[in-house]
Structures are given as C-alpha cells and as structure tokens.
Amino acid sequence: MSTPPLAGAGMPPGAFSGTQAQAAREVNTASLCRIGQETVQDIVFRTMEIFQLLRNMQLPNGVTYHTGTYQDRLGKLQEHLRQLSILFRKLRLVYDKCNENCAGLDPIPIEQLIPYVEEDGSKHDDRGAASQLRFASEERREIMEVNKKLKLKNQQLKQIMDQLRNLIWDINAMLAMRN
C-alpha cells in the first residue's frame, strides 16, 4: 500500500489541501476494504492479461519463431507476473490491517444483521408466514382440483372425438358402397 508523498518530498508546499492530507493519514476499515476490492479487481485484470498473453504465445514445437517477438512477449509476461505478485503482497497487507482493526470488535450474530428479524416483531412475522403458507397450500389444492377437472373434460372430449370419427368413417363407408 503506497502512501501519498509529503510536501517536502519533491512537491511544493500546499500541494495537498487539509482535507486530503487528513484523509490520507486517517485510514479506516471501510477505506481499507475499498482498497482491497480495487486490488482484487487489479489482480483479476492482470490475470486475464496473462492468460491472453499465454493464449497468443506459440508452443516451442520446432517451428522457426522470431526470437525478438518471443522475447518481447516473455518480457511482458514476466512483468505481469511481477506486478501480480506485488498486488498479492498489497492484498495481504490490506487483509492483515483489516484483521488488526477488527480484532477488538465483538462479532455480531448474523441473525441481528438481517433487518427484518427483530425480537418484538418475530411473533407477528411467524403468524404472517403461517397465513401465507396456508394461503399457498389452499391455492395449490385449488389448482390440483382444476387440473383434475381439466383432465376429466379432456378425456370426455377425446371420447366424443373418437365417436365422431367412427361415425364419419361409417358414413363414408356406406356412401362408398352405395356408389
């Protein structure tokens, strides 16, 4: 993690305003998490670039290959790997600092972090959930009854269609014999 240069280190006095200098000195856990998130995004980006470089490199299978191009790509690959290791070290520092900042905090149970679970409202929510469950089961039962009725009606329609088909077949057979 890099710190901003101070006014005496190659920068004119007053280059940082008071709020920027105070923000640079004051590092809280939330800003560390943001820095960690950005570092992870950089790691993913660098890794994708490494895979892109590897995809474009040819395997040494005896084919004549320009050594200049090979050396250039190898140099890029090594640079990406070096920067990737730096990013991982930075991420480790951020992780350690966050753990150090959070070491004194009491862990909060996960149930308390969910906003809709509360001590006084939980009985009301249970009744609401029970009524929703009852409503859903009634609705499911009604749908099943309707499906049974539809199947029965479909069977009746199929029987009627089969009877009509047989009747038409018989009529056509009689007409054919008459001619």
N, C-alpha and C. Protein backbone atom coordinates (compact mmCIF):
# COMPACT_ATOMS: atom_id res chain seq x y z
N MET A 1 0.85 -1.15 0.00
CA MET A 1 0.00 0.00 0.00
C MET A 1 0.90 1.22 0.00
N SER A 2 0.69 2.10 -0.91
CA SER A 2 1.55 3.28 -1.01
C SER A 2 0.89 4.44 -0.30
N THR A 3 1.74 5.30 0.28
CA THR A 3 1.23 6.50 0.95
C THR A 3 1.53 7.68 0.07
N PRO A 4 0.72 8.72 0.14
CA PRO A 4 0.96 9.89 -0.71
C PRO A 4 2.23 10.59 -0.26
N PRO A 5 2.96 11.17 -1.19
CA PRO A 5 4.19 11.86 -0.84
C PRO A 5 3.89 13.09 0.01
N LEU A 6 4.80 13.37 0.93
CA LEU A 6 4.63 14.53 1.79
C LEU A 6 5.07 15.78 1.06
N ALA A 7 4.76 16.94 1.62
CA ALA A 7 5.03 18.21 0.94
C ALA A 7 6.51 18.42 0.72
N GLY A 8 7.36 17.92 1.61
CA GLY A 8 8.80 18.15 1.46
C GLY A 8 9.46 17.19 0.50
N ALA A 9 8.75 16.16 0.05
CA ALA A 9 9.37 15.14 -0.78
C ALA A 9 9.12 15.41 -2.25
N GLY A 10 9.64 16.48 -2.78
CA GLY A 10 9.56 16.74 -4.22
C GLY A 10 8.30 17.44 -4.65
N MET A 11 7.45 17.84 -3.72
CA MET A 11 6.21 18.52 -4.08
C MET A 11 6.21 19.90 -3.44
N PRO A 12 5.64 20.87 -4.08
CA PRO A 12 5.59 22.21 -3.49
C PRO A 12 4.71 22.21 -2.26
N PRO A 13 5.01 23.09 -1.29
CA PRO A 13 4.17 23.15 -0.09
C PRO A 13 2.75 23.54 -0.47
N GLY A 14 1.79 22.93 0.22
CA GLY A 14 0.38 23.25 -0.04
C GLY A 14 -0.18 22.47 -1.21
N ALA A 15 0.53 21.44 -1.70
CA ALA A 15 0.01 20.66 -2.82
C ALA A 15 -1.22 19.87 -2.39
N PHE A 16 -1.26 19.45 -1.14
CA PHE A 16 -2.43 18.75 -0.62
C PHE A 16 -3.22 19.72 0.22
N SER A 17 -4.52 19.72 0.05
CA SER A 17 -5.34 20.56 0.91
C SER A 17 -5.48 19.87 2.27
N GLY A 18 -6.04 20.54 3.22
CA GLY A 18 -6.13 19.99 4.58
C GLY A 18 -6.98 18.73 4.64
N THR A 19 -8.10 18.69 3.92
CA THR A 19 -8.96 17.52 3.98
C THR A 19 -8.32 16.32 3.30
N GLN A 20 -7.59 16.53 2.20
CA GLN A 20 -6.93 15.42 1.52
C GLN A 20 -5.82 14.86 2.38
N ALA A 21 -5.05 15.70 3.03
CA ALA A 21 -3.96 15.23 3.87
C ALA A 21 -4.53 14.48 5.07
N GLN A 22 -5.62 14.97 5.64
CA GLN A 22 -6.23 14.29 6.78
C GLN A 22 -6.80 12.94 6.33
N ALA A 23 -7.42 12.89 5.16
CA ALA A 23 -7.97 11.63 4.66
C ALA A 23 -6.86 10.64 4.35
N ALA A 24 -5.70 11.12 3.88
CA ALA A 24 -4.59 10.24 3.58
C ALA A 24 -4.02 9.65 4.87
N ARG A 25 -4.00 10.42 5.95
CA ARG A 25 -3.46 9.92 7.21
C ARG A 25 -4.46 9.02 7.93
N GLU A 26 -5.75 9.33 7.80
CA GLU A 26 -6.78 8.59 8.51
C GLU A 26 -7.27 7.44 7.63
N VAL A 27 -6.87 6.22 7.96
CA VAL A 27 -7.25 5.05 7.19
C VAL A 27 -8.15 4.19 8.06
N ASN A 28 -9.40 4.10 7.69
CA ASN A 28 -10.32 3.27 8.45
C ASN A 28 -10.56 1.96 7.72
N THR A 29 -11.30 1.08 8.36
CA THR A 29 -11.51 -0.26 7.83
C THR A 29 -12.30 -0.23 6.53
N ALA A 30 -13.25 0.69 6.42
CA ALA A 30 -14.05 0.77 5.19
C ALA A 30 -13.18 1.16 4.00
N SER A 31 -12.29 2.13 4.20
CA SER A 31 -11.41 2.51 3.08
C SER A 31 -10.43 1.40 2.76
N LEU A 32 -10.00 0.65 3.79
CA LEU A 32 -9.13 -0.50 3.53
C LEU A 32 -9.86 -1.56 2.71
N CYS A 33 -11.12 -1.76 3.02
CA CYS A 33 -11.91 -2.73 2.25
C CYS A 33 -12.06 -2.27 0.80
N ARG A 34 -12.26 -0.97 0.60
CA ARG A 34 -12.35 -0.45 -0.77
C ARG A 34 -11.03 -0.66 -1.50
N ILE A 35 -9.92 -0.38 -0.82
CA ILE A 35 -8.60 -0.60 -1.43
C ILE A 35 -8.42 -2.07 -1.75
N GLY A 36 -8.85 -2.94 -0.83
CA GLY A 36 -8.76 -4.38 -1.07
C GLY A 36 -9.58 -4.81 -2.26
N GLN A 37 -10.78 -4.24 -2.40
CA GLN A 37 -11.64 -4.56 -3.54
C GLN A 37 -10.97 -4.13 -4.85
N GLU A 38 -10.42 -2.94 -4.86
CA GLU A 38 -9.73 -2.46 -6.07
C GLU A 38 -8.52 -3.33 -6.39
N THR A 39 -7.82 -3.77 -5.35
CA THR A 39 -6.66 -4.64 -5.56
C THR A 39 -7.09 -5.97 -6.15
N VAL A 40 -8.18 -6.53 -5.65
CA VAL A 40 -8.69 -7.79 -6.21
C VAL A 40 -9.08 -7.61 -7.67
N GLN A 41 -9.71 -6.48 -7.99
CA GLN A 41 -10.07 -6.21 -9.38
C GLN A 41 -8.82 -6.09 -10.25
N ASP A 42 -7.76 -5.45 -9.73
CA ASP A 42 -6.50 -5.37 -10.47
C ASP A 42 -5.90 -6.75 -10.67
N ILE A 43 -5.97 -7.59 -9.64
CA ILE A 43 -5.44 -8.96 -9.75
C ILE A 43 -6.18 -9.72 -10.83
N VAL A 44 -7.49 -9.61 -10.85
CA VAL A 44 -8.28 -10.32 -11.87
C VAL A 44 -7.92 -9.79 -13.26
N PHE A 45 -7.80 -8.48 -13.40
CA PHE A 45 -7.46 -7.89 -14.69
C PHE A 45 -6.09 -8.37 -15.16
N ARG A 46 -5.10 -8.34 -14.27
CA ARG A 46 -3.74 -8.79 -14.63
C ARG A 46 -3.75 -10.27 -14.99
N THR A 47 -4.51 -11.06 -14.26
CA THR A 47 -4.59 -12.49 -14.56
C THR A 47 -5.20 -12.72 -15.94
N MET A 48 -6.22 -11.96 -16.27
CA MET A 48 -6.82 -12.09 -17.60
C MET A 48 -5.81 -11.71 -18.69
N GLU A 49 -5.02 -10.66 -18.42
CA GLU A 49 -3.99 -10.27 -19.40
C GLU A 49 -2.94 -11.36 -19.54
N ILE A 50 -2.57 -12.00 -18.44
CA ILE A 50 -1.59 -13.09 -18.50
C ILE A 50 -2.14 -14.23 -19.35
N PHE A 51 -3.38 -14.60 -19.14
CA PHE A 51 -3.97 -15.67 -19.93
C PHE A 51 -4.07 -15.28 -21.41
N GLN A 52 -4.34 -14.03 -21.68
CA GLN A 52 -4.38 -13.55 -23.07
C GLN A 52 -3.00 -13.67 -23.71
N LEU A 53 -1.97 -13.28 -22.97
CA LEU A 53 -0.61 -13.42 -23.49
C LEU A 53 -0.25 -14.88 -23.72
N LEU A 54 -0.62 -15.73 -22.79
CA LEU A 54 -0.31 -17.15 -22.94
C LEU A 54 -1.07 -17.77 -24.11
N ARG A 55 -2.28 -17.30 -24.35
CA ARG A 55 -3.04 -17.83 -25.47
C ARG A 55 -2.38 -17.45 -26.79
N ASN A 56 -1.80 -16.26 -26.85
CA ASN A 56 -1.19 -15.79 -28.09
C ASN A 56 0.22 -16.33 -28.32
N MET A 57 0.85 -16.89 -27.31
CA MET A 57 2.21 -17.42 -27.46
C MET A 57 2.14 -18.79 -28.14
N GLN A 58 3.13 -19.05 -28.99
CA GLN A 58 3.21 -20.34 -29.65
C GLN A 58 4.02 -21.29 -28.79
N LEU A 59 3.69 -22.56 -28.90
CA LEU A 59 4.45 -23.57 -28.19
C LEU A 59 5.76 -23.84 -28.94
N PRO A 60 6.81 -24.17 -28.22
CA PRO A 60 8.08 -24.47 -28.91
C PRO A 60 8.03 -25.88 -29.51
N ASN A 61 7.45 -25.98 -30.69
CA ASN A 61 7.30 -27.28 -31.33
C ASN A 61 8.24 -27.45 -32.51
N GLY A 62 9.34 -26.75 -32.51
CA GLY A 62 10.32 -26.90 -33.57
C GLY A 62 10.10 -25.96 -34.74
N VAL A 63 9.05 -25.18 -34.73
CA VAL A 63 8.78 -24.25 -35.81
C VAL A 63 9.66 -23.02 -35.60
N THR A 64 10.18 -22.49 -36.70
CA THR A 64 11.01 -21.30 -36.61
C THR A 64 10.15 -20.15 -36.12
N TYR A 65 10.66 -19.46 -35.12
CA TYR A 65 9.90 -18.40 -34.48
C TYR A 65 10.81 -17.21 -34.28
N HIS A 66 10.29 -16.02 -34.46
CA HIS A 66 11.10 -14.83 -34.30
C HIS A 66 11.47 -14.67 -32.83
N THR A 67 12.74 -14.65 -32.55
CA THR A 67 13.18 -14.57 -31.16
C THR A 67 12.86 -13.20 -30.56
N GLY A 68 12.85 -12.16 -31.36
CA GLY A 68 12.51 -10.83 -30.86
C GLY A 68 11.09 -10.77 -30.35
N THR A 69 10.16 -11.33 -31.11
CA THR A 69 8.76 -11.35 -30.70
C THR A 69 8.59 -12.20 -29.45
N TYR A 70 9.29 -13.34 -29.46
CA TYR A 70 9.21 -14.24 -28.31
C TYR A 70 9.74 -13.55 -27.06
N GLN A 71 10.88 -12.89 -27.18
CA GLN A 71 11.47 -12.20 -26.03
C GLN A 71 10.57 -11.06 -25.54
N ASP A 72 9.94 -10.36 -26.47
CA ASP A 72 9.03 -9.26 -26.11
C ASP A 72 7.84 -9.80 -25.30
N ARG A 73 7.24 -10.86 -25.81
CA ARG A 73 6.09 -11.44 -25.11
C ARG A 73 6.50 -12.04 -23.78
N LEU A 74 7.68 -12.66 -23.75
CA LEU A 74 8.17 -13.22 -22.49
C LEU A 74 8.42 -12.11 -21.48
N GLY A 75 8.97 -10.99 -21.92
CA GLY A 75 9.19 -9.85 -21.04
C GLY A 75 7.88 -9.30 -20.49
N LYS A 76 6.86 -9.18 -21.36
CA LYS A 76 5.54 -8.72 -20.91
C LYS A 76 4.96 -9.68 -19.88
N LEU A 77 5.11 -10.97 -20.15
CA LEU A 77 4.57 -11.97 -19.25
C LEU A 77 5.26 -11.89 -17.88
N GLN A 78 6.58 -11.76 -17.89
CA GLN A 78 7.31 -11.66 -16.64
C GLN A 78 6.93 -10.39 -15.88
N GLU A 79 6.72 -9.29 -16.59
CA GLU A 79 6.33 -8.03 -15.95
C GLU A 79 4.95 -8.17 -15.30
N HIS A 80 4.02 -8.82 -16.02
CA HIS A 80 2.69 -9.03 -15.46
C HIS A 80 2.76 -9.92 -14.22
N LEU A 81 3.57 -10.96 -14.28
CA LEU A 81 3.71 -11.84 -13.12
C LEU A 81 4.33 -11.10 -11.93
N ARG A 82 5.31 -10.23 -12.20
CA ARG A 82 5.93 -9.47 -11.13
C ARG A 82 4.90 -8.52 -10.49
N GLN A 83 4.12 -7.83 -11.33
CA GLN A 83 3.11 -6.92 -10.80
C GLN A 83 2.00 -7.68 -10.08
N LEU A 84 1.71 -8.89 -10.56
CA LEU A 84 0.71 -9.71 -9.89
C LEU A 84 1.18 -10.11 -8.49
N SER A 85 2.45 -10.45 -8.35
CA SER A 85 2.96 -10.78 -7.02
C SER A 85 2.95 -9.55 -6.11
N ILE A 86 3.23 -8.38 -6.66
CA ILE A 86 3.16 -7.14 -5.87
C ILE A 86 1.72 -6.90 -5.40
N LEU A 87 0.76 -7.12 -6.30
CA LEU A 87 -0.64 -6.92 -5.93
C LEU A 87 -1.08 -7.90 -4.84
N PHE A 88 -0.58 -9.14 -4.92
CA PHE A 88 -0.92 -10.11 -3.87
C PHE A 88 -0.31 -9.71 -2.54
N ARG A 89 0.91 -9.17 -2.54
CA ARG A 89 1.52 -8.69 -1.30
C ARG A 89 0.70 -7.52 -0.74
N LYS A 90 0.26 -6.62 -1.62
CA LYS A 90 -0.55 -5.48 -1.19
C LYS A 90 -1.87 -5.97 -0.58
N LEU A 91 -2.48 -6.97 -1.23
CA LEU A 91 -3.73 -7.52 -0.71
C LEU A 91 -3.52 -8.17 0.65
N ARG A 92 -2.38 -8.83 0.85
CA ARG A 92 -2.08 -9.44 2.14
C ARG A 92 -1.93 -8.36 3.22
N LEU A 93 -1.27 -7.25 2.87
CA LEU A 93 -1.12 -6.16 3.83
C LEU A 93 -2.49 -5.57 4.22
N VAL A 94 -3.34 -5.37 3.23
CA VAL A 94 -4.67 -4.83 3.50
C VAL A 94 -5.46 -5.80 4.37
N TYR A 95 -5.36 -7.09 4.06
CA TYR A 95 -6.07 -8.11 4.83
C TYR A 95 -5.60 -8.13 6.28
N ASP A 96 -4.29 -8.11 6.47
CA ASP A 96 -3.74 -8.11 7.83
C ASP A 96 -4.17 -6.86 8.59
N LYS A 97 -4.15 -5.71 7.93
CA LYS A 97 -4.53 -4.46 8.58
C LYS A 97 -6.02 -4.48 8.96
N CYS A 98 -6.86 -5.01 8.08
CA CYS A 98 -8.29 -5.11 8.39
C CYS A 98 -8.52 -6.05 9.57
N ASN A 99 -7.83 -7.18 9.59
CA ASN A 99 -7.96 -8.09 10.73
C ASN A 99 -7.47 -7.44 12.01
N GLU A 100 -6.41 -6.66 11.92
CA GLU A 100 -5.89 -5.96 13.09
C GLU A 100 -6.90 -4.93 13.59
N ASN A 101 -7.53 -4.21 12.68
CA ASN A 101 -8.52 -3.20 13.07
C ASN A 101 -9.78 -3.83 13.66
N CYS A 102 -10.13 -5.02 13.19
CA CYS A 102 -11.37 -5.67 13.64
C CYS A 102 -11.14 -6.64 14.79
N ALA A 103 -9.91 -6.79 15.26
CA ALA A 103 -9.62 -7.76 16.30
C ALA A 103 -10.35 -7.43 17.60
N GLY A 104 -10.49 -6.17 17.94
CA GLY A 104 -11.12 -5.78 19.19
C GLY A 104 -12.63 -5.77 19.14
N LEU A 105 -13.21 -5.92 17.99
CA LEU A 105 -14.67 -5.85 17.86
C LEU A 105 -15.31 -7.17 18.27
N ASP A 106 -16.46 -7.07 18.91
CA ASP A 106 -17.22 -8.26 19.24
C ASP A 106 -17.97 -8.71 18.00
N PRO A 107 -17.91 -9.99 17.66
CA PRO A 107 -18.65 -10.44 16.47
C PRO A 107 -20.15 -10.36 16.72
N ILE A 108 -20.85 -9.86 15.74
CA ILE A 108 -22.31 -9.71 15.83
C ILE A 108 -22.93 -10.95 15.19
N PRO A 109 -23.88 -11.58 15.86
CA PRO A 109 -24.54 -12.74 15.25
C PRO A 109 -25.20 -12.35 13.93
N ILE A 110 -25.17 -13.24 13.00
CA ILE A 110 -25.69 -12.98 11.66
C ILE A 110 -27.18 -12.64 11.71
N GLU A 111 -27.91 -13.26 12.64
CA GLU A 111 -29.35 -13.01 12.72
C GLU A 111 -29.65 -11.55 13.01
N GLN A 112 -28.77 -10.88 13.74
CA GLN A 112 -29.01 -9.47 14.05
C GLN A 112 -28.69 -8.56 12.88
N LEU A 113 -27.92 -9.04 11.91
CA LEU A 113 -27.58 -8.21 10.76
C LEU A 113 -28.69 -8.17 9.72
N ILE A 114 -29.62 -9.11 9.81
CA ILE A 114 -30.74 -9.15 8.87
C ILE A 114 -31.80 -8.19 9.38
N PRO A 115 -32.18 -7.17 8.60
CA PRO A 115 -33.05 -6.12 9.11
C PRO A 115 -34.48 -6.56 9.40
N TYR A 116 -34.99 -7.61 8.80
CA TYR A 116 -36.38 -7.96 9.01
C TYR A 116 -36.57 -8.92 10.19
N VAL A 117 -35.53 -9.35 10.85
CA VAL A 117 -35.65 -10.21 12.01
C VAL A 117 -35.43 -9.36 13.25
N GLU A 118 -36.50 -9.20 14.05
CA GLU A 118 -36.42 -8.40 15.26
C GLU A 118 -37.08 -9.17 16.39
N GLU A 119 -36.70 -8.81 17.60
CA GLU A 119 -37.22 -9.51 18.78
C GLU A 119 -38.73 -9.33 18.93
N ASP A 120 -39.23 -8.10 18.90
CA ASP A 120 -40.64 -7.84 19.15
C ASP A 120 -41.52 -8.17 17.95
N GLY A 121 -41.00 -8.16 16.76
CA GLY A 121 -41.81 -8.41 15.57
C GLY A 121 -41.76 -9.83 15.07
N SER A 122 -40.99 -10.70 15.72
CA SER A 122 -40.83 -12.06 15.20
C SER A 122 -42.12 -12.86 15.32
N LYS A 123 -42.93 -12.64 16.39
CA LYS A 123 -44.18 -13.38 16.53
C LYS A 123 -45.14 -12.98 15.42
N HIS A 124 -45.18 -11.69 15.10
CA HIS A 124 -46.04 -11.20 14.03
C HIS A 124 -45.62 -11.79 12.70
N ASP A 125 -44.30 -11.88 12.48
CA ASP A 125 -43.80 -12.44 11.23
C ASP A 125 -44.14 -13.92 11.12
N ASP A 126 -44.11 -14.65 12.27
CA ASP A 126 -44.45 -16.07 12.24
C ASP A 126 -45.90 -16.27 11.86
N ARG A 127 -46.78 -15.42 12.41
CA ARG A 127 -48.19 -15.53 12.05
C ARG A 127 -48.40 -15.19 10.58
N GLY A 128 -47.69 -14.17 10.11
CA GLY A 128 -47.80 -13.79 8.70
C GLY A 128 -47.29 -14.89 7.79
N ALA A 129 -46.18 -15.53 8.18
CA ALA A 129 -45.64 -16.62 7.38
C ALA A 129 -46.58 -17.81 7.39
N ALA A 130 -47.20 -18.09 8.54
CA ALA A 130 -48.13 -19.21 8.63
C ALA A 130 -49.36 -18.95 7.75
N SER A 131 -49.86 -17.71 7.76
CA SER A 131 -51.03 -17.41 6.93
C SER A 131 -50.66 -17.48 5.44
N GLN A 132 -49.46 -17.04 5.11
CA GLN A 132 -49.01 -17.15 3.71
C GLN A 132 -48.88 -18.61 3.31
N LEU A 133 -48.37 -19.44 4.21
CA LEU A 133 -48.23 -20.86 3.92
C LEU A 133 -49.60 -21.50 3.74
N ARG A 134 -50.54 -21.15 4.59
CA ARG A 134 -51.89 -21.69 4.49
C ARG A 134 -52.53 -21.25 3.18
N PHE A 135 -52.36 -19.98 2.82
CA PHE A 135 -52.92 -19.46 1.58
C PHE A 135 -52.31 -20.19 0.38
N ALA A 136 -51.00 -20.39 0.42
CA ALA A 136 -50.32 -21.07 -0.69
C ALA A 136 -50.79 -22.52 -0.81
N SER A 137 -50.98 -23.21 0.33
CA SER A 137 -51.43 -24.60 0.26
C SER A 137 -52.87 -24.68 -0.26
N GLU A 138 -53.72 -23.73 0.15
CA GLU A 138 -55.09 -23.71 -0.38
C GLU A 138 -55.10 -23.45 -1.88
N GLU A 139 -54.26 -22.52 -2.29
CA GLU A 139 -54.17 -22.21 -3.71
C GLU A 139 -53.67 -23.42 -4.50
N ARG A 140 -52.70 -24.12 -3.94
CA ARG A 140 -52.17 -25.32 -4.61
C ARG A 140 -53.25 -26.40 -4.71
N ARG A 141 -54.03 -26.57 -3.63
CA ARG A 141 -55.11 -27.56 -3.63
C ARG A 141 -56.15 -27.21 -4.69
N GLU A 142 -56.51 -25.92 -4.80
CA GLU A 142 -57.48 -25.50 -5.82
C GLU A 142 -56.94 -25.77 -7.22
N ILE A 143 -55.66 -25.49 -7.43
CA ILE A 143 -55.06 -25.74 -8.74
C ILE A 143 -55.08 -27.22 -9.08
N MET A 144 -54.82 -28.06 -8.08
CA MET A 144 -54.86 -29.51 -8.32
C MET A 144 -56.27 -29.96 -8.69
N GLU A 145 -57.30 -29.40 -8.02
CA GLU A 145 -58.69 -29.75 -8.35
C GLU A 145 -59.02 -29.32 -9.78
N VAL A 146 -58.61 -28.12 -10.16
CA VAL A 146 -58.87 -27.63 -11.51
C VAL A 146 -58.17 -28.53 -12.53
N ASN A 147 -56.94 -28.94 -12.22
CA ASN A 147 -56.21 -29.83 -13.14
C ASN A 147 -56.93 -31.16 -13.30
N LYS A 148 -57.47 -31.70 -12.21
CA LYS A 148 -58.22 -32.97 -12.30
C LYS A 148 -59.46 -32.80 -13.17
N LYS A 149 -60.18 -31.67 -12.97
CA LYS A 149 -61.38 -31.42 -13.78
C LYS A 149 -61.01 -31.27 -15.25
N LEU A 150 -59.90 -30.58 -15.53
CA LEU A 150 -59.46 -30.41 -16.91
C LEU A 150 -59.12 -31.75 -17.56
N LYS A 151 -58.45 -32.62 -16.81
CA LYS A 151 -58.11 -33.94 -17.35
C LYS A 151 -59.36 -34.74 -17.66
N LEU A 152 -60.33 -34.66 -16.75
CA LEU A 152 -61.60 -35.37 -16.97
C LEU A 152 -62.31 -34.84 -18.21
N LYS A 153 -62.39 -33.52 -18.35
CA LYS A 153 -63.03 -32.91 -19.53
C LYS A 153 -62.27 -33.29 -20.80
N ASN A 154 -60.94 -33.30 -20.74
CA ASN A 154 -60.16 -33.68 -21.92
C ASN A 154 -60.43 -35.12 -22.32
N GLN A 155 -60.60 -36.02 -21.35
CA GLN A 155 -60.91 -37.41 -21.66
C GLN A 155 -62.29 -37.52 -22.30
N GLN A 156 -63.24 -36.76 -21.77
CA GLN A 156 -64.58 -36.78 -22.36
C GLN A 156 -64.56 -36.26 -23.79
N LEU A 157 -63.83 -35.14 -24.03
CA LEU A 157 -63.72 -34.61 -25.39
C LEU A 157 -63.07 -35.61 -26.33
N LYS A 158 -62.06 -36.32 -25.86
CA LYS A 158 -61.39 -37.31 -26.69
C LYS A 158 -62.35 -38.45 -27.06
N GLN A 159 -63.15 -38.88 -26.11
CA GLN A 159 -64.13 -39.93 -26.40
C GLN A 159 -65.14 -39.46 -27.44
N ILE A 160 -65.61 -38.22 -27.29
CA ILE A 160 -66.58 -37.66 -28.25
C ILE A 160 -65.93 -37.57 -29.63
N MET A 161 -64.68 -37.12 -29.70
CA MET A 161 -63.98 -37.01 -30.99
C MET A 161 -63.80 -38.39 -31.62
N ASP A 162 -63.48 -39.39 -30.81
CA ASP A 162 -63.34 -40.74 -31.35
C ASP A 162 -64.68 -41.26 -31.87
N GLN A 163 -65.77 -41.00 -31.16
CA GLN A 163 -67.10 -41.42 -31.62
C GLN A 163 -67.47 -40.73 -32.93
N LEU A 164 -67.18 -39.41 -33.00
CA LEU A 164 -67.48 -38.69 -34.25
C LEU A 164 -66.65 -39.23 -35.40
N ARG A 165 -65.38 -39.52 -35.15
CA ARG A 165 -64.51 -40.06 -36.19
C ARG A 165 -65.05 -41.41 -36.69
N ASN A 166 -65.48 -42.28 -35.76
CA ASN A 166 -66.05 -43.57 -36.15
C ASN A 166 -67.35 -43.39 -36.93
N LEU A 167 -68.18 -42.44 -36.51
CA LEU A 167 -69.44 -42.17 -37.21
C LEU A 167 -69.18 -41.70 -38.64
N ILE A 168 -68.23 -40.75 -38.79
CA ILE A 168 -67.90 -40.24 -40.12
C ILE A 168 -67.31 -41.37 -40.98
N TRP A 169 -66.51 -42.23 -40.36
CA TRP A 169 -65.94 -43.36 -41.10
C TRP A 169 -67.05 -44.28 -41.60
N ASP A 170 -68.02 -44.57 -40.74
CA ASP A 170 -69.14 -45.43 -41.14
C ASP A 170 -69.96 -44.78 -42.25
N ILE A 171 -70.23 -43.47 -42.15
CA ILE A 171 -71.00 -42.77 -43.17
C ILE A 171 -70.26 -42.82 -44.50
N ASN A 172 -68.97 -42.57 -44.48
CA ASN A 172 -68.19 -42.62 -45.72
C ASN A 172 -68.17 -44.02 -46.31
N ALA A 173 -68.10 -45.02 -45.45
CA ALA A 173 -68.10 -46.41 -45.94
C ALA A 173 -69.43 -46.73 -46.59
N MET A 174 -70.56 -46.30 -46.02
CA MET A 174 -71.88 -46.54 -46.60
C MET A 174 -72.01 -45.81 -47.93
N LEU A 175 -71.53 -44.56 -48.01
CA LEU A 175 -71.61 -43.81 -49.26
C LEU A 175 -70.76 -44.48 -50.36
N ALA A 176 -69.64 -45.02 -49.95
CA ALA A 176 -68.76 -45.68 -50.92
C ALA A 176 -69.43 -46.95 -51.45
N MET A 177 -70.16 -47.68 -50.60
CA MET A 177 -70.82 -48.92 -51.04
C MET A 177 -72.02 -48.63 -51.92
N ARG A 178 -72.66 -47.50 -51.69
CA ARG A 178 -73.82 -47.14 -52.46
C ARG A 178 -73.43 -46.79 -53.89
N ASN A 179 -72.26 -46.23 -54.07
CA ASN A 179 -71.83 -45.86 -55.42
C ASN A 179 -71.29 -47.01 -56.10
